[in-house]
C-alpha atoms as a PDB file:
ATOM      1  CA  MET A   1      61.023 -40.537 -48.779  1.00  0.00           C
ATOM      2  CA  LYS A   2      58.645 -43.562 -47.593  1.00  0.00           C
ATOM      3  CA  LYS A   3      60.368 -44.198 -44.720  1.00  0.00           C
ATOM      4  CA  LEU A   4      61.183 -40.099 -43.674  1.00  0.00           C
ATOM      5  CA  THR A   5      57.309 -39.975 -43.946  1.00  0.00           C
ATOM      6  CA  LEU A   6      56.825 -42.182 -41.743  1.00  0.00           C
ATOM      7  CA  THR A   7      59.209 -41.238 -39.441  1.00  0.00           C
ATOM      8  CA  ILE A   8      58.085 -37.345 -39.341  1.00  0.00           C
ATOM      9  CA  ALA A   9      54.654 -38.745 -39.001  1.00  0.00           C
ATOM     10  CA  VAL A  10      55.146 -40.932 -35.616  1.00  0.00           C
ATOM     11  CA  LEU A  11      57.831 -38.444 -34.069  1.00  0.00           C
ATOM     12  CA  ALA A  12      55.083 -36.129 -34.073  1.00  0.00           C
ATOM     13  CA  ILE A  13      53.014 -38.333 -32.700  1.00  0.00           C
ATOM     14  CA  ALA A  14      55.011 -39.231 -29.560  1.00  0.00           C
ATOM     15  CA  GLY A  15      55.809 -35.559 -29.670  1.00  0.00           C
ATOM     16  CA  LEU A  16      52.809 -34.356 -28.483  1.00  0.00           C
ATOM     17  CA  SER A  17      51.806 -38.060 -26.633  1.00  0.00           C
ATOM     18  CA  SER A  18      54.408 -36.948 -24.423  1.00  0.00           C
ATOM     19  CA  ALA A  19      53.810 -33.588 -24.179  1.00  0.00           C
ATOM     20  CA  ALA A  20      52.324 -31.990 -20.882  1.00  0.00           C
ATOM     21  CA  LEU A  21      51.997 -28.697 -17.955  1.00  0.00           C
ATOM     22  CA  ASN A  22      54.790 -28.956 -16.104  1.00  0.00           C
ATOM     23  CA  ILE A  23      52.681 -29.062 -12.459  1.00  0.00           C
ATOM     24  CA  GLN A  24      54.843 -29.222  -9.815  1.00  0.00           C
ATOM     25  CA  ASN A  25      54.364 -32.147  -6.956  1.00  0.00           C
ATOM     26  CA  ALA A  26      50.597 -33.615  -8.743  1.00  0.00           C
ATOM     27  CA  ASN A  27      50.979 -36.460  -7.088  1.00  0.00           C
ATOM     28  CA  PHE A  28      50.874 -34.754  -3.448  1.00  0.00           C
ATOM     29  CA  ASP A  29      54.280 -36.159  -2.516  1.00  0.00           C
ATOM     30  CA  ASP A  30      53.968 -33.676   0.644  1.00  0.00           C
ATOM     31  CA  ASP A  31      51.838 -29.704   0.431  1.00  0.00           C
ATOM     32  CA  SER A  32      54.509 -27.483  -1.781  1.00  0.00           C
ATOM     33  CA  ALA A  33      53.953 -25.590  -5.445  1.00  0.00           C
ATOM     34  CA  TRP A  34      50.094 -25.122  -3.799  1.00  0.00           C
ATOM     35  CA  THR A  35      48.112 -22.685  -2.229  1.00  0.00           C
ATOM     36  CA  TRP A  36      45.962 -24.177  -0.174  1.00  0.00           C
ATOM     37  CA  GLY A  37      42.489 -23.625   1.761  1.00  0.00           C
ATOM     38  CA  ASP A  38      41.047 -20.303  -0.419  1.00  0.00           C
ATOM     39  CA  SER A  39      37.672 -20.048   0.506  1.00  0.00           C
ATOM     40  CA  ASN A  40      34.771 -18.222   0.389  1.00  0.00           C
ATOM     41  CA  THR A  41      32.767 -17.991   3.636  1.00  0.00           C
ATOM     42  CA  GLY A  42      30.358 -15.156   1.853  1.00  0.00           C
ATOM     43  CA  TRP A  43      27.418 -17.370   2.612  1.00  0.00           C
ATOM     44  CA  GLY A  44      27.221 -17.606   6.455  1.00  0.00           C
ATOM     45  CA  ALA A  45      30.174 -20.206   7.518  1.00  0.00           C
ATOM     46  CA  THR A  46      33.552 -21.427   7.445  1.00  0.00           C
ATOM     47  CA  SER A  47      33.757 -22.954   3.807  1.00  0.00           C
ATOM     48  CA  GLY A  48      36.742 -25.278   4.991  1.00  0.00           C
ATOM     49  CA  ASN A  49      40.620 -25.988   4.466  1.00  0.00           C
ATOM     50  CA  ALA A  50      42.640 -28.413   1.792  1.00  0.00           C
ATOM     51  CA  TRP A  51      45.453 -30.072   2.798  1.00  0.00           C
ATOM     52  CA  SER A  52      47.663 -32.831   1.436  1.00  0.00           C
ATOM     53  CA  SER A  53      48.568 -35.880   3.359  1.00  0.00           C
ATOM     54  CA  GLY A  54      51.744 -36.427   2.498  1.00  0.00           C
ATOM     55  CA  VAL A  55      50.830 -39.820   1.723  1.00  0.00           C
ATOM     56  CA  GLY A  56      49.858 -38.653  -2.223  1.00  0.00           C
ATOM     57  CA  THR A  57      46.776 -37.721  -2.364  1.00  0.00           C
ATOM     58  CA  ALA A  58      45.336 -33.949  -1.385  1.00  0.00           C
ATOM     59  CA  PHE A  59      42.066 -33.461   0.496  1.00  0.00           C
ATOM     60  CA  VAL A  60      39.510 -30.897   0.333  1.00  0.00           C
ATOM     61  CA  ASN A  61      37.171 -30.346   3.092  1.00  0.00           C
ATOM     62  CA  THR A  62      33.937 -28.055   3.566  1.00  0.00           C
ATOM     63  CA  THR A  63      31.239 -27.608   5.941  1.00  0.00           C
ATOM     64  CA  GLU A  64      27.502 -26.901   5.846  1.00  0.00           C
ATOM     65  CA  GLY A  65      26.440 -23.876   4.614  1.00  0.00           C
ATOM     66  CA  GLY A  66      29.728 -22.350   3.073  1.00  0.00           C
ATOM     67  CA  GLY A  67      30.870 -21.554  -0.413  1.00  0.00           C
ATOM     68  CA  TYR A  68      33.380 -22.929  -1.477  1.00  0.00           C
ATOM     69  CA  SER A  69      36.658 -24.136  -1.098  1.00  0.00           C
ATOM     70  CA  VAL A  70      39.998 -24.809  -3.670  1.00  0.00           C
ATOM     71  CA  VAL A  71      43.465 -25.307  -3.856  1.00  0.00           C
ATOM     72  CA  TYR A  72      45.770 -23.474  -7.270  1.00  0.00           C
ATOM     73  CA  GLN A  73      49.041 -23.656  -8.253  1.00  0.00           C
ATOM     74  CA  SER A  74      49.996 -21.293 -11.846  1.00  0.00           C
ATOM     75  CA  VAL A  75      51.788 -22.582 -14.120  1.00  0.00           C
ATOM     76  CA  ASP A  76      54.133 -20.655 -16.907  1.00  0.00           C
ATOM     77  CA  LEU A  77      53.125 -22.508 -20.316  1.00  0.00           C
ATOM     78  CA  GLY A  78      55.750 -25.227 -22.245  1.00  0.00           C
ATOM     79  CA  GLY A  79      56.022 -28.639 -22.003  1.00  0.00           C
ATOM     80  CA  GLY A  80      54.422 -28.740 -25.913  1.00  0.00           C
ATOM     81  CA  ILE A  81      51.416 -26.449 -24.873  1.00  0.00           C
ATOM     82  CA  SER A  82      51.049 -23.176 -25.826  1.00  0.00           C
ATOM     83  CA  ALA A  83      48.557 -20.327 -26.152  1.00  0.00           C
ATOM     84  CA  GLY A  84      45.390 -20.867 -27.940  1.00  0.00           C
ATOM     85  CA  ASP A  85      45.730 -24.886 -27.608  1.00  0.00           C
ATOM     86  CA  THR A  86      42.436 -26.867 -26.148  1.00  0.00           C
ATOM     87  CA  VAL A  87      43.838 -28.964 -23.126  1.00  0.00           C
ATOM     88  CA  THR A  88      42.110 -31.785 -20.947  1.00  0.00           C
ATOM     89  CA  MET A  89      42.485 -31.664 -17.327  1.00  0.00           C
ATOM     90  CA  SER A  90      41.909 -34.849 -15.410  1.00  0.00           C
ATOM     91  CA  ALA A  91      42.113 -35.831 -11.818  1.00  0.00           C
ATOM     92  CA  PHE A  92      41.304 -39.227  -9.983  1.00  0.00           C
ATOM     93  CA  VAL A  93      38.862 -37.952  -7.504  1.00  0.00           C
ATOM     94  CA  THR A  94      36.953 -39.278  -4.948  1.00  0.00           C
ATOM     95  CA  ASP A  95      33.863 -38.442  -2.646  1.00  0.00           C
ATOM     96  CA  VAL A  96      35.638 -39.668   0.958  1.00  0.00           C
ATOM     97  CA  ASN A  97      32.784 -39.535   3.363  1.00  0.00           C
ATOM     98  CA  GLY A  98      30.149 -40.490   0.287  1.00  0.00           C
ATOM     99  CA  ALA A  99      27.705 -37.850   1.358  1.00  0.00           C
ATOM    100  CA  GLY A 100      27.121 -36.633  -2.225  1.00  0.00           C
ATOM    101  CA  GLU A 101      25.268 -33.432  -1.249  1.00  0.00           C
ATOM    102  CA  ASN A 102      28.120 -30.934  -2.598  1.00  0.00           C
ATOM    103  CA  THR A 103      30.263 -31.215  -5.440  1.00  0.00           C
ATOM    104  CA  ALA A 104      33.664 -31.162  -6.939  1.00  0.00           C
ATOM    105  CA  LEU A 105      35.262 -28.671  -9.363  1.00  0.00           C
ATOM    106  CA  LEU A 106      37.851 -29.031 -11.908  1.00  0.00           C
ATOM    107  CA  LYS A 107      38.986 -25.558 -13.015  1.00  0.00           C
ATOM    108  CA  LEU A 108      42.077 -23.541 -15.301  1.00  0.00           C
ATOM    109  CA  GLU A 109      42.155 -20.038 -15.761  1.00  0.00           C
ATOM    110  CA  SER A 110      44.500 -18.111 -18.539  1.00  0.00           C
ATOM    111  CA  LEU A 111      47.175 -15.698 -17.206  1.00  0.00           C
ATOM    112  CA  ASP A 112      48.844 -12.636 -18.925  1.00  0.00           C
ATOM    113  CA  SER A 113      52.365 -11.619 -18.230  1.00  0.00           C
ATOM    114  CA  SER A 114      51.659  -9.826 -14.769  1.00  0.00           C
ATOM    115  CA  GLY A 115      49.750 -12.963 -13.090  1.00  0.00           C
ATOM    116  CA  ALA A 116      46.341 -11.599 -13.667  1.00  0.00           C
ATOM    117  CA  VAL A 117      42.876 -13.354 -15.328  1.00  0.00           C
ATOM    118  CA  ILE A 118      41.695 -12.858 -19.076  1.00  0.00           C
ATOM    119  CA  GLY A 119      39.438 -14.943 -20.888  1.00  0.00           C
ATOM    120  CA  GLY A 120      36.984 -15.044 -17.828  1.00  0.00           C
ATOM    121  CA  THR A 121      36.709 -16.486 -14.478  1.00  0.00           C
ATOM    122  CA  ASP A 122      33.449 -18.782 -14.696  1.00  0.00           C
ATOM    123  CA  ILE A 123      34.574 -21.377 -16.569  1.00  0.00           C
ATOM    124  CA  GLU A 124      35.133 -24.348 -14.543  1.00  0.00           C
ATOM    125  CA  HIS A 125      34.352 -28.156 -14.389  1.00  0.00           C
ATOM    126  CA  VAL A 126      31.979 -28.903 -11.316  1.00  0.00           C
ATOM    127  CA  PHE A 127      31.018 -32.401 -11.305  1.00  0.00           C
ATOM    128  CA  THR A 128      29.412 -35.049  -8.925  1.00  0.00           C
ATOM    129  CA  ALA A 129      31.976 -37.598  -7.448  1.00  0.00           C
ATOM    130  CA  SER A 130      32.077 -41.018  -6.539  1.00  0.00           C
ATOM    131  CA  ALA A 131      32.646 -42.965  -3.426  1.00  0.00           C
ATOM    132  CA  SER A 132      34.890 -45.117  -5.316  1.00  0.00           C
ATOM    133  CA  GLY A 133      36.967 -42.899  -7.031  1.00  0.00           C
ATOM    134  CA  ALA A 134      37.612 -42.204 -10.691  1.00  0.00           C
ATOM    135  CA  THR A 135      39.657 -40.188 -12.956  1.00  0.00           C
ATOM    136  CA  GLU A 136      37.330 -36.786 -13.727  1.00  0.00           C
ATOM    137  CA  SER A 137      38.745 -34.923 -17.095  1.00  0.00           C
ATOM    138  CA  TRP A 138      37.816 -31.822 -18.683  1.00  0.00           C
ATOM    139  CA  ASP A 139      38.951 -29.897 -21.715  1.00  0.00           C
ATOM    140  CA  TYR A 140      39.834 -26.228 -21.462  1.00  0.00           C
ATOM    141  CA  THR A 141      41.333 -23.781 -24.673  1.00  0.00           C
ATOM    142  CA  ILE A 142      43.696 -21.971 -23.463  1.00  0.00           C
ATOM    143  CA  HIS A 143      43.289 -17.637 -24.440  1.00  0.00           C
ATOM    144  CA  GLY A 144      45.358 -16.923 -27.057  1.00  0.00           C
ATOM    145  CA  ASP A 145      47.449 -14.101 -24.957  1.00  0.00           C
ATOM    146  CA  ALA A 146      47.735 -16.530 -22.176  1.00  0.00           C
ATOM    147  CA  VAL A 147      51.543 -16.895 -20.897  1.00  0.00           C
ATOM    148  CA  GLY A 148      50.473 -19.285 -18.006  1.00  0.00           C
ATOM    149  CA  VAL A 149      47.266 -20.819 -16.524  1.00  0.00           C
ATOM    150  CA  LYS A 150      46.087 -21.036 -13.595  1.00  0.00           C
ATOM    151  CA  VAL A 151      45.542 -24.818 -12.185  1.00  0.00           C
ATOM    152  CA  VAL A 152      42.243 -25.369  -9.780  1.00  0.00           C
ATOM    153  CA  PHE A 153      40.733 -27.773  -7.929  1.00  0.00           C
ATOM    154  CA  GLY A 154      38.268 -27.788  -4.934  1.00  0.00           C
ATOM    155  CA  ALA A 155      34.672 -28.562  -3.813  1.00  0.00           C
ATOM    156  CA  THR A 156      31.442 -26.269  -4.297  1.00  0.00           C
ATOM    157  CA  GLY A 157      27.854 -26.207  -3.625  1.00  0.00           C
ATOM    158  CA  GLY A 158      27.495 -24.282  -6.666  1.00  0.00           C
ATOM    159  CA  TRP A 159      28.994 -20.709  -7.145  1.00  0.00           C
ATOM    160  CA  GLY A 160      26.214 -18.253  -5.360  1.00  0.00           C
ATOM    161  CA  GLY A 161      24.409 -21.000  -2.887  1.00  0.00           C
ATOM    162  CA  ALA A 162      25.454 -22.493   0.221  1.00  0.00           C
ATOM    163  CA  LEU A 163      26.570 -26.015   0.535  1.00  0.00           C
ATOM    164  CA  ALA A 164      23.860 -28.250   1.395  1.00  0.00           C
ATOM    165  CA  GLY A 165      26.586 -30.715   3.885  1.00  0.00           C
ATOM    166  CA  ASP A 166      29.541 -31.465   5.055  1.00  0.00           C
ATOM    167  CA  SER A 167      31.549 -33.001   2.394  1.00  0.00           C
ATOM    168  CA  SER A 168      35.162 -33.920   2.035  1.00  0.00           C
ATOM    169  CA  TYR A 169      36.625 -35.168  -1.785  1.00  0.00           C
ATOM    170  CA  SER A 170      40.118 -36.310  -2.344  1.00  0.00           C
ATOM    171  CA  PHE A 171      42.840 -35.329  -5.188  1.00  0.00           C
ATOM    172  CA  ASP A 172      45.620 -36.966  -7.127  1.00  0.00           C
ATOM    173  CA  ASN A 173      48.007 -36.824 -10.435  1.00  0.00           C
ATOM    174  CA  ILE A 174      46.555 -33.661 -11.557  1.00  0.00           C
ATOM    175  CA  GLN A 175      47.498 -33.251 -15.447  1.00  0.00           C
ATOM    176  CA  VAL A 176      46.831 -31.152 -18.248  1.00  0.00           C
ATOM    177  CA  VAL A 177      48.080 -32.722 -21.684  1.00  0.00           C
ATOM    178  CA  PRO A 178      46.547 -32.022 -25.787  1.00  0.00           C
ATOM    179  CA  GLU A 179      43.069 -32.641 -25.926  1.00  0.00           C
ATOM    180  CA  PRO A 180      42.687 -36.509 -27.474  1.00  0.00           C
ATOM    181  CA  ALA A 181      40.937 -34.725 -30.241  1.00  0.00           C
ATOM    182  CA  THR A 182      44.510 -32.933 -31.154  1.00  0.00           C
ATOM    183  CA  MET A 183      46.251 -36.049 -30.992  1.00  0.00           C
ATOM    184  CA  GLY A 184      43.986 -37.959 -33.506  1.00  0.00           C
ATOM    185  CA  LEU A 185      44.229 -34.993 -35.818  1.00  0.00           C
ATOM    186  CA  ILE A 186      48.152 -35.470 -36.106  1.00  0.00           C
ATOM    187  CA  GLY A 187      47.698 -39.056 -36.531  1.00  0.00           C
ATOM    188  CA  LEU A 188      45.369 -38.131 -38.876  1.00  0.00           C
ATOM    189  CA  PHE A 189      47.856 -35.945 -40.889  1.00  0.00           C
ATOM    190  CA  GLY A 190      50.542 -38.884 -40.979  1.00  0.00           C
ATOM    191  CA  GLY A 191      48.683 -41.520 -41.967  1.00  0.00           C
ATOM    192  CA  GLY A 192      46.801 -38.748 -44.759  1.00  0.00           C
ATOM    193  CA  MET A 193      50.848 -38.396 -45.913  1.00  0.00           C
ATOM    194  CA  MET A 194      51.809 -42.201 -45.979  1.00  0.00           C
ATOM    195  CA  ALA A 195      48.330 -42.388 -48.583  1.00  0.00           C
ATOM    196  CA  LEU A 196      49.077 -39.474 -50.240  1.00  0.00           C
ATOM    197  CA  ARG A 197      52.545 -40.903 -51.193  1.00  0.00           C
ATOM    198  CA  ARG A 198      51.568 -44.397 -52.196  1.00  0.00           C
ATOM    199  CA  PHE A 199      49.132 -42.810 -54.735  1.00  0.00           C
ATOM    200  CA  ARG A 200      51.592 -40.623 -56.260  1.00  0.00           C
ATOM    201  CA  ILE A 201      54.063 -44.350 -56.143  1.00  0.00           C
ATOM    202  CA  CYS A 202      51.089 -46.077 -58.483  1.00  0.00           C
END
């Protein structure tokens, strides 16, 4: 029974650690699967554009006075991720021109069976990227009625305001996985089962 309990705990942790949303072309070997250059020009200037370099990096450019420029992909839930789960979205992000005047963003939106956004569209992670590049991540709870999510990244001057200057960001290795806290709870559950078993034996 002790070995069985340990096996169940290990399998649970291993299964969760390998869980991930099935994002197509997450490393940008080409420009497939993503919708590129969706931009807002409502603040008086061409906002920008986005494209894959074809060498494993996506670039998002914005111009001064514009609003935002984003790239996105709609993905069905699966791969061990379900409606109601809290997940962590991450990407390796670099401020290519080092200007630091604007901000990069990561964003997830929950989608219903018709592809419509549910649970709001104003939940995103906006941050200042570094010129040397770093992995940026944030947590998001998928709506309980969702069947998919829209994975979004890009550049913005902040919703509701114009960009302070030109900017260029690169993105790589987009991932959506269960949040670390969830994995920790599974580990505690397995450890608790083992402790309880030992207590009963004594």
